[in-house]
Protein backbone atom coordinates (compact mmCIF):
# COMPACT_ATOMS: atom_id res chain seq x y z
CA MET A 1 -10.19 7.15 16.56
CA VAL A 2 -12.20 5.61 13.71
CA TYR A 3 -10.67 2.33 12.58
CA LEU A 4 -10.69 1.89 8.81
CA PRO A 5 -9.11 -1.51 8.04
CA PRO A 6 -6.51 -1.59 5.28
CA ALA A 7 -7.25 -3.43 2.06
CA SER A 8 -6.18 -7.06 2.24
CA ASN A 9 -6.37 -10.35 0.34
CA ILE A 10 -6.55 -8.58 -3.03
CA ASP A 11 -6.27 -10.89 -6.02
CA CYS A 12 -3.39 -10.10 -8.37
CA LEU A 13 -3.55 -10.96 -12.06
CA THR A 14 -0.42 -11.28 -14.20
CA ALA A 15 -0.47 -9.29 -17.45
CA TYR A 16 2.00 -10.29 -20.14
CA LEU A 17 3.22 -7.45 -22.35
CA THR A 18 3.97 -8.67 -25.87
CA THR A 19 4.18 -5.26 -27.54
CA THR A 20 5.90 -1.96 -26.79
CA LEU A 21 4.38 0.80 -24.69
CA THR A 22 5.72 4.34 -24.45
CA GLU A 23 5.84 6.18 -21.15
CA ASP A 24 2.61 7.95 -22.12
CA ASP A 25 1.03 4.62 -23.08
CA PHE A 26 1.88 3.22 -19.65
CA LYS A 27 0.53 6.31 -17.91
CA THR A 28 -2.76 6.11 -19.81
CA PHE A 29 -3.10 2.37 -19.25
CA LYS A 30 -2.32 2.52 -15.55
CA SER A 31 -4.66 5.47 -14.94
CA ALA A 32 -7.51 3.59 -16.62
CA PHE A 33 -6.87 0.43 -14.62
CA GLU A 34 -6.59 2.35 -11.33
CA LEU A 35 -9.89 4.06 -12.07
CA GLY A 36 -11.72 0.78 -12.62
CA ALA A 37 -10.04 -0.94 -9.68
CA CYS A 38 -10.55 1.96 -7.23
CA SER A 39 -6.87 1.38 -6.54
CA GLN A 40 -6.19 4.42 -4.39
CA PHE A 41 -8.64 3.59 -1.62
CA SER A 42 -10.44 0.27 -2.11
CA PRO A 43 -8.65 -1.89 -4.70
CA ILE A 44 -10.73 -4.75 -6.04
CA LEU A 45 -7.91 -6.20 -8.19
CA GLU A 46 -4.20 -5.72 -8.69
CA LEU A 47 -2.31 -6.22 -11.93
CA LYS A 48 1.32 -7.20 -12.28
CA ILE A 49 2.56 -6.19 -15.72
CA VAL A 50 5.59 -8.18 -16.88
CA ARG A 51 7.41 -8.47 -20.16
CA ALA A 52 6.33 -11.66 -21.85
CA PRO A 53 8.92 -14.37 -22.43
CA ASP A 54 10.40 -14.08 -25.92
CA ASP A 55 8.63 -17.30 -26.77
CA TYR A 56 5.22 -15.63 -26.22
CA VAL A 57 5.79 -12.68 -28.56
CA ASP A 58 3.83 -12.83 -31.83
CA LYS A 59 2.34 -16.18 -30.82
CA PRO A 60 -1.41 -16.94 -30.78
CA HIS A 61 -3.16 -16.78 -27.44
CA GLN A 62 -3.84 -20.51 -27.38
CA TYR A 63 -0.08 -21.11 -27.57
CA VAL A 64 0.52 -18.83 -24.59
CA ARG A 65 -2.28 -20.56 -22.67
CA SER A 66 -0.77 -23.98 -23.32
CA LYS A 67 2.69 -22.81 -22.21
CA GLU A 68 1.22 -21.37 -19.02
CA ASN A 69 -0.47 -24.69 -18.33
CA GLU A 70 2.78 -26.56 -18.93
CA ALA A 71 4.47 -24.30 -16.38
CA GLY A 72 1.79 -25.10 -13.79
CA ARG A 73 0.20 -21.65 -14.01
CA GLU A 74 -3.32 -22.76 -14.82
CA GLY A 75 -5.23 -19.70 -13.64
CA ALA A 76 -6.49 -16.88 -15.82
CA PHE A 77 -4.05 -14.22 -16.96
CA ALA A 78 -4.09 -10.99 -18.92
CA LEU A 79 -2.19 -10.03 -22.05
CA ILE A 80 -1.43 -6.73 -23.75
CA ASP A 81 -0.68 -7.18 -27.44
CA GLU A 82 -0.77 -4.83 -30.41
CA GLU A 83 -4.54 -5.12 -30.85
CA ALA A 84 -5.18 -4.47 -27.17
CA LYS A 85 -2.84 -1.46 -27.26
CA ARG A 86 -4.54 -0.07 -30.36
CA ARG A 87 -8.04 -0.42 -28.88
CA GLY A 88 -7.25 0.81 -25.35
CA ALA A 89 -7.94 -2.60 -23.91
CA ILE A 90 -6.45 -5.75 -22.42
CA TRP A 91 -7.07 -9.44 -23.05
CA TYR A 92 -8.47 -11.58 -20.26
CA ILE A 93 -7.47 -15.15 -21.07
CA ASP A 94 -9.13 -18.00 -19.23
CA GLN A 95 -9.09 -21.74 -19.98
CA PHE A 96 -9.46 -23.97 -23.00
CA ALA A 97 -13.05 -24.88 -23.76
CA ASP A 98 -14.22 -28.15 -22.24
CA GLU A 99 -16.21 -30.97 -23.81
CA ASP A 100 -19.51 -29.65 -22.49
CA GLN A 101 -18.94 -26.26 -24.09
CA VAL A 102 -18.11 -27.93 -27.39
CA GLU A 103 -21.23 -30.13 -27.21
CA ASP A 104 -23.36 -27.08 -26.38
CA GLY A 105 -22.08 -25.31 -29.49
CA GLN A 106 -20.23 -22.62 -27.58
CA ALA A 107 -16.76 -23.51 -28.87
CA GLU A 108 -15.47 -25.15 -32.03
CA SER A 109 -13.20 -27.57 -30.16
CA THR A 110 -11.35 -28.11 -26.90
CA GLU A 111 -8.35 -26.42 -28.53
CA VAL A 112 -10.17 -23.08 -28.43
CA VAL A 113 -9.10 -20.79 -25.61
CA LEU A 114 -11.82 -18.73 -23.94
CA LYS A 115 -10.74 -15.10 -23.92
CA ILE A 116 -12.21 -11.63 -24.18
CA LEU A 117 -10.89 -8.18 -25.03
CA VAL A 118 -11.80 -5.87 -22.17
CA LYS A 119 -11.73 -2.09 -21.91
CA THR A 120 -8.84 -1.42 -19.54
CA GLU A 121 -10.90 0.23 -16.81
CA ALA A 122 -13.45 -2.61 -17.02
CA LEU A 123 -10.94 -5.39 -16.31
CA PRO A 124 -11.22 -5.31 -12.48
CA LEU A 125 -15.01 -5.55 -12.45
CA THR A 126 -14.94 -8.14 -15.24
CA TYR A 127 -12.56 -10.25 -13.15
CA VAL A 128 -14.82 -9.97 -10.09
CA ASN A 129 -17.92 -10.84 -12.12
CA TYR A 130 -16.28 -14.03 -13.40
CA ASP A 131 -14.85 -14.89 -9.99
CA ILE A 132 -18.27 -14.81 -8.32
CA ALA A 133 -20.05 -16.26 -11.38
CA ASN A 134 -22.12 -13.11 -11.81
CA MET A 135 -21.29 -13.22 -15.52
CA SER A 136 -19.37 -15.54 -17.84
CA ILE A 137 -17.00 -15.01 -20.75
CA GLU A 138 -19.52 -16.73 -23.01
CA GLU A 139 -22.25 -14.23 -22.08
CA ASP A 140 -19.93 -11.26 -22.45
CA LEU A 141 -18.58 -12.43 -25.81
CA ASP A 142 -22.14 -12.76 -27.06
CA ASN A 143 -22.88 -9.22 -25.86
CA CYS A 144 -19.75 -8.02 -27.68
CA GLY A 145 -20.92 -9.43 -31.01
CA VAL A 146 -18.86 -12.63 -31.17
CA GLU A 147 -20.76 -15.50 -32.76
CA MET A 148 -20.78 -19.05 -31.45
CA PRO A 149 -19.18 -21.49 -31.78
CA PHE A 150 -16.10 -19.55 -30.71
CA THR A 151 -12.88 -20.09 -32.64
CA ASN A 152 -9.33 -19.12 -31.83
CA ASP A 153 -9.24 -16.44 -34.51
CA PHE A 154 -12.56 -14.73 -33.81
CA HIS A 155 -12.98 -10.97 -34.25
CA GLN A 156 -14.57 -9.12 -31.34
CA PRO A 157 -16.49 -6.11 -32.72
CA GLU A 158 -17.11 -4.46 -29.36
CA LEU A 159 -14.94 -4.21 -26.26
CA ASN A 160 -16.35 -5.60 -23.05
CA ASP A 161 -17.10 -2.52 -20.94
CA CYS A 162 -19.38 -4.03 -18.28
CA GLY A 163 -22.49 -2.78 -20.00
CA GLY A 164 -21.28 0.79 -20.41
CA MET A 165 -20.46 1.21 -16.73
CA ASP A 166 -19.60 4.78 -15.65
CA PHE A 167 -16.38 4.05 -13.78
CA ASP A 168 -16.08 7.57 -12.40
CA GLU A 169 -19.49 7.17 -10.82
CA GLN A 170 -18.63 3.67 -9.63
CA GLN A 171 -15.93 5.11 -7.38
CA TRP A 172 -18.61 6.76 -5.24
CA HIS A 173 -20.25 3.40 -4.50
CA GLN A 174 -17.41 1.54 -2.78
CA ASP A 175 -18.34 0.44 0.72
CA ALA A 176 -16.15 0.62 3.80
CA TRP A 177 -16.85 -1.06 7.14
CA VAL A 178 -15.45 1.11 9.90
CA THR A 179 -15.38 0.86 13.67
CA ALA A 180 -16.36 4.08 15.42
CA GLU A 181 -16.01 4.87 19.11
CA PRO A 182 -18.57 6.81 21.19
CA GLY A 183 -18.46 10.46 20.22
CA GLU A 184 -17.47 9.70 16.63
CA PHE A 185 -20.97 8.82 15.43
CA GLU A 186 -24.57 9.85 15.92
CA GLU A 187 -27.69 7.73 16.25
CA SER A 188 -31.32 8.33 15.34
CA THR A 189 -34.69 6.67 15.84
CA ASP A 190 -36.38 8.90 13.27
CA ASP A 191 -39.12 6.93 11.50
CA LYS A 192 -38.29 8.29 8.04
CA LEU A 193 -34.67 7.18 8.36
CA ARG A 194 -35.55 3.74 9.72
CA ASP A 195 -38.15 3.21 6.98
CA ASN A 196 -35.30 2.99 4.44
CA PHE A 197 -34.38 -0.46 5.76
CA MET A 198 -36.13 -3.82 5.85
CA PRO A 199 -36.59 -5.21 8.38
CA ARG A 200 -36.95 -1.90 10.11
CA PRO A 201 -34.16 -1.42 12.69
CA ASP A 202 -34.60 0.06 16.15
CA LYS A 203 -32.15 2.82 15.24
CA VAL A 204 -29.72 3.97 12.58
CA ALA A 205 -26.33 5.60 12.90
CA ARG A 206 -23.71 7.44 10.87
CA LEU A 207 -20.26 8.90 11.36
CA ASN A 208 -20.16 12.51 12.43
CA GLU A 209 -19.63 14.60 9.32
CA GLU A 210 -16.25 15.97 10.36
CA VAL A 211 -15.04 12.51 11.40
CA ALA A 212 -16.04 11.01 8.04
CA GLN A 213 -14.35 13.81 6.11
CA ALA A 214 -11.13 13.37 8.09
CA VAL A 215 -10.74 9.71 7.07
CA GLY A 216 -11.99 9.96 3.47
CA LEU A 217 -15.53 8.65 3.90
CA VAL A 218 -19.02 9.89 3.11
CA SER A 219 -21.33 9.92 6.13
CA SER A 220 -24.67 8.20 5.60
CA TRP A 221 -27.32 6.61 7.79
CA MET A 222 -26.88 2.86 8.15
CA ILE A 223 -27.69 0.06 10.60
CA PRO A 224 -25.04 -0.12 13.33
CA SER A 225 -23.70 -3.35 14.76
CA GLN A 226 -21.82 -3.93 17.97
CA ALA A 227 -18.05 -3.65 17.60
CA GLY A 228 -15.69 -6.39 18.72
CA PRO A 229 -11.92 -6.78 18.71
CA VAL A 230 -10.17 -6.97 15.34
CA GLU A 231 -6.93 -8.63 14.36
CA LEU A 232 -4.40 -6.22 12.88
CA PRO A 233 -2.10 -7.11 9.96
CA ASP A 234 0.79 -7.68 12.39
CA GLY A 235 -1.23 -10.29 14.27
CA THR A 236 -1.97 -8.16 17.32
CA GLU A 237 -5.51 -7.50 18.51
CA LYS A 238 -7.16 -4.10 18.63
CA THR A 239 -10.00 -3.53 21.08
CA PHE A 240 -12.52 -0.72 21.30
CA PRO A 241 -14.35 1.05 24.15
CA GLU A 242 -17.79 -0.10 25.20
CA GLY A 243 -20.47 1.38 22.97
CA SER A 244 -18.34 1.29 19.82
CA VAL A 245 -20.13 0.30 16.61
CA VAL A 246 -19.34 -1.01 13.15
CA LEU A 247 -20.84 1.07 10.33
CA GLN A 248 -21.04 0.60 6.60
CA GLN A 249 -20.12 3.89 4.96
CA ARG A 250 -18.75 4.80 1.53
CA TYR A 251 -15.38 6.01 0.36
CA ASN A 252 -14.95 9.56 -0.90
CA PRO A 253 -12.85 9.32 -4.09
CA GLU A 254 -12.15 13.07 -3.94
CA TYR A 255 -10.25 12.71 -0.66
CA PRO A 256 -6.46 13.20 -1.06
CA TRP A 257 -5.63 9.50 -0.99
CA PRO A 258 -1.95 8.52 -1.29
CA GLU A 259 -0.68 7.51 -4.71
CA TYR A 260 -1.26 3.86 -5.50
CA THR A 261 1.80 1.59 -5.49
CA TRP A 262 1.83 -1.13 -8.14
CA PRO A 263 2.85 -4.67 -7.14
CA ASP A 264 6.53 -5.50 -6.74
CA GLY A 265 8.03 -6.53 -10.04
CA SER A 266 5.39 -4.80 -12.16
CA LEU A 267 6.48 -2.57 -15.02
């Protein structure tokens, strides 16, 4: 049986709610986030929505950032306020600007909090881009029409949407690494197939079509690697028959995946 490992070690961002959302508002917001995060089959980020402390309501973002720091929660967080609600977005709030950013003319002072208003479905990819330093808030704010030096009361003309990313299309490009046993995959030494890879492999392989469909994957030719034992979430070890391979395939978002469960304690 094909082994498709469960999602694990997914970062979870806290989102403070400082406004009111109707049931329909929540449904719309959560659907947008789940789309961008590929939550049903390959989540790239989780979001825990909590009601903000009374002290955070109607307060500027730099105040909330300072209170989070005082509480020892120094990582980035998200915030849904009236503006975010009105614009179908969510704030990603990072750190206060440092001395270097002030000297470089990026921020007015070290009392300025670096933040950006992100289209809801773009938050997961935005988070990943910042985490791996693929992009920065400064670059994205510039792309969204915010002038430097940044101030705490800047207006952001455009929402950050990851360059107009098509998030429906993005769902078809999520990779899965699966272990397949003999009989569950096919191999080929066809020159045209091998020419798609550099360096050129001795052979390529893919899941059998019916096997891929049964587990929610799209079968495609890739370079196989030898399978070894894997550690399961319960700490036990799973082994595979001789000749088993690991293949990179892609998820099929149209498969009937189970409904996504939001983190414990999330609204």
